[in-house]
Amino acid sequence: MALKYDLEKDAAPIITAAGEGYVAEEILARAEENQVSIHQDERLVKELIQFKVGTEIPQELYDVVAQILVFVETVDKEKTLKGKDT
């Protein structure tokens, strides 16, 4: 499962990839190759897997996804700052 959210363009996060088993492994591999931050949450995946790729997440999941996006952004900023220190 992969999500994207552009605060300036999107009304809500959008599902950009979804899959189980081998497909999920490929999604993770591509994310790692492209240095995309990864957060794994099985319960959230079970909720989101029922929706089509290209659709916005449902409103009832806004809070949990927002918390994850804030966490990921914080981790990304920390990585960037550490990279500047070296």
C-alpha atoms as a PDB file:
ATOM      1  CA  MET A   1       0.000   0.000   0.000  1.00  0.00           C
ATOM      2  CA  ALA A   2       1.381   3.392  -0.919  1.00  0.00           C
ATOM      3  CA  LEU A   3      -0.074   6.837  -0.370  1.00  0.00           C
ATOM      4  CA  LYS A   4       0.775  10.308  -1.603  1.00  0.00           C
ATOM      5  CA  TYR A   5      -0.395  13.653  -0.371  1.00  0.00           C
ATOM      6  CA  ASP A   6       0.327  17.069  -1.812  1.00  0.00           C
ATOM      7  CA  LEU A   7      -1.089  19.682   0.530  1.00  0.00           C
ATOM      8  CA  GLU A   8      -1.429  22.173  -2.324  1.00  0.00           C
ATOM      9  CA  LYS A   9      -3.093  19.826  -4.828  1.00  0.00           C
ATOM     10  CA  ASP A  10      -4.905  17.049  -2.970  1.00  0.00           C
ATOM     11  CA  ALA A  11      -8.003  17.292  -0.789  1.00  0.00           C
ATOM     12  CA  ALA A  12      -6.906  14.087   0.973  1.00  0.00           C
ATOM     13  CA  PRO A  13      -4.147  11.478   0.702  1.00  0.00           C
ATOM     14  CA  ILE A  14      -4.449   9.323  -2.412  1.00  0.00           C
ATOM     15  CA  ILE A  15      -3.822   5.589  -2.703  1.00  0.00           C
ATOM     16  CA  THR A  16      -1.075   5.201  -5.309  1.00  0.00           C
ATOM     17  CA  ALA A  17      -0.335   1.476  -5.042  1.00  0.00           C
ATOM     18  CA  ALA A  18      -1.893  -1.537  -3.360  1.00  0.00           C
ATOM     19  CA  GLY A  19      -1.213  -5.225  -3.210  1.00  0.00           C
ATOM     20  CA  GLU A  20      -0.557  -8.270  -1.098  1.00  0.00           C
ATOM     21  CA  GLY A  21       2.196 -10.867  -1.079  1.00  0.00           C
ATOM     22  CA  TYR A  22       4.607 -10.479  -3.983  1.00  0.00           C
ATOM     23  CA  VAL A  23       3.003  -7.219  -5.121  1.00  0.00           C
ATOM     24  CA  ALA A  24       3.406  -5.725  -1.637  1.00  0.00           C
ATOM     25  CA  GLU A  25       7.052  -6.803  -1.605  1.00  0.00           C
ATOM     26  CA  GLU A  26       7.577  -5.063  -4.952  1.00  0.00           C
ATOM     27  CA  ILE A  27       5.943  -1.873  -3.660  1.00  0.00           C
ATOM     28  CA  LEU A  28       8.314  -1.899  -0.671  1.00  0.00           C
ATOM     29  CA  ALA A  29      11.333  -2.623  -2.870  1.00  0.00           C
ATOM     30  CA  ARG A  30      10.516   0.272  -5.202  1.00  0.00           C
ATOM     31  CA  ALA A  31      10.014   2.597  -2.239  1.00  0.00           C
ATOM     32  CA  GLU A  32      13.406   1.621  -0.827  1.00  0.00           C
ATOM     33  CA  GLU A  33      15.079   2.053  -4.236  1.00  0.00           C
ATOM     34  CA  ASN A  34      13.656   5.569  -4.457  1.00  0.00           C
ATOM     35  CA  GLN A  35      14.461   6.401  -0.827  1.00  0.00           C
ATOM     36  CA  VAL A  36      10.790   6.830   0.017  1.00  0.00           C
ATOM     37  CA  SER A  37      10.062   6.661   3.735  1.00  0.00           C
ATOM     38  CA  ILE A  38       8.244   3.506   4.794  1.00  0.00           C
ATOM     39  CA  HIS A  39       5.827   3.033   7.673  1.00  0.00           C
ATOM     40  CA  GLN A  40       4.169  -0.359   7.991  1.00  0.00           C
ATOM     41  CA  ASP A  41       0.759  -0.699   9.648  1.00  0.00           C
ATOM     42  CA  GLU A  42      -1.156  -3.923   8.998  1.00  0.00           C
ATOM     43  CA  ARG A  43      -4.423  -2.642  10.462  1.00  0.00           C
ATOM     44  CA  LEU A  44      -4.384   0.425   8.224  1.00  0.00           C
ATOM     45  CA  VAL A  45      -3.556  -1.687   5.171  1.00  0.00           C
ATOM     46  CA  LYS A  46      -6.552  -3.932   5.911  1.00  0.00           C
ATOM     47  CA  GLU A  47      -8.771  -0.844   5.930  1.00  0.00           C
ATOM     48  CA  LEU A  48      -7.296   0.699   2.782  1.00  0.00           C
ATOM     49  CA  ILE A  49      -6.889  -2.427   0.631  1.00  0.00           C
ATOM     50  CA  GLN A  50     -10.618  -2.381  -0.150  1.00  0.00           C
ATOM     51  CA  PHE A  51     -10.301   0.936  -2.040  1.00  0.00           C
ATOM     52  CA  LYS A  52      -9.087   1.398  -5.602  1.00  0.00           C
ATOM     53  CA  VAL A  53      -5.716   2.840  -6.533  1.00  0.00           C
ATOM     54  CA  GLY A  54      -6.131   6.502  -7.461  1.00  0.00           C
ATOM     55  CA  THR A  55      -8.856   7.202  -4.919  1.00  0.00           C
ATOM     56  CA  GLU A  56      -8.691   9.392  -1.844  1.00  0.00           C
ATOM     57  CA  ILE A  57      -8.585   7.689   1.524  1.00  0.00           C
ATOM     58  CA  PRO A  58     -11.935   7.686   3.370  1.00  0.00           C
ATOM     59  CA  GLN A  59     -12.572  10.510   5.811  1.00  0.00           C
ATOM     60  CA  GLU A  60     -12.716   8.169   8.814  1.00  0.00           C
ATOM     61  CA  LEU A  61      -9.005   7.389   8.275  1.00  0.00           C
ATOM     62  CA  TYR A  62      -7.824  11.010   7.994  1.00  0.00           C
ATOM     63  CA  ASP A  63      -6.614  11.219  11.606  1.00  0.00           C
ATOM     64  CA  VAL A  64      -4.540   8.044  11.606  1.00  0.00           C
ATOM     65  CA  VAL A  65      -3.017   8.788   8.198  1.00  0.00           C
ATOM     66  CA  ALA A  66      -2.283  12.385   9.231  1.00  0.00           C
ATOM     67  CA  GLN A  67      -0.376  11.105  12.269  1.00  0.00           C
ATOM     68  CA  ILE A  68       1.671   8.794  10.053  1.00  0.00           C
ATOM     69  CA  LEU A  69       2.403  11.551   7.531  1.00  0.00           C
ATOM     70  CA  VAL A  70       3.596  13.871  10.306  1.00  0.00           C
ATOM     71  CA  PHE A  71       5.835  11.100  11.654  1.00  0.00           C
ATOM     72  CA  VAL A  72       7.285  10.354   8.213  1.00  0.00           C
ATOM     73  CA  GLU A  73       7.899  14.042   7.518  1.00  0.00           C
ATOM     74  CA  THR A  74       9.701  14.388  10.859  1.00  0.00           C
ATOM     75  CA  VAL A  75      11.907  11.381  10.100  1.00  0.00           C
ATOM     76  CA  ASP A  76      12.669  12.740   6.619  1.00  0.00           C
ATOM     77  CA  LYS A  77      13.677  16.126   8.040  1.00  0.00           C
ATOM     78  CA  GLU A  78      15.935  14.456  10.610  1.00  0.00           C
ATOM     79  CA  LYS A  79      17.614  12.424   7.855  1.00  0.00           C
ATOM     80  CA  THR A  80      18.153  15.589   5.832  1.00  0.00           C
ATOM     81  CA  LEU A  81      19.676  17.414   8.794  1.00  0.00           C
ATOM     82  CA  LYS A  82      21.970  14.476   9.578  1.00  0.00           C
ATOM     83  CA  GLY A  83      23.075  14.415   5.949  1.00  0.00           C
ATOM     84  CA  LYS A  84      24.044  18.082   6.139  1.00  0.00           C
ATOM     85  CA  ASP A  85      26.152  17.430   9.256  1.00  0.00           C
ATOM     86  CA  THR A  86      28.400  14.924   7.492  1.00  0.00           C
END
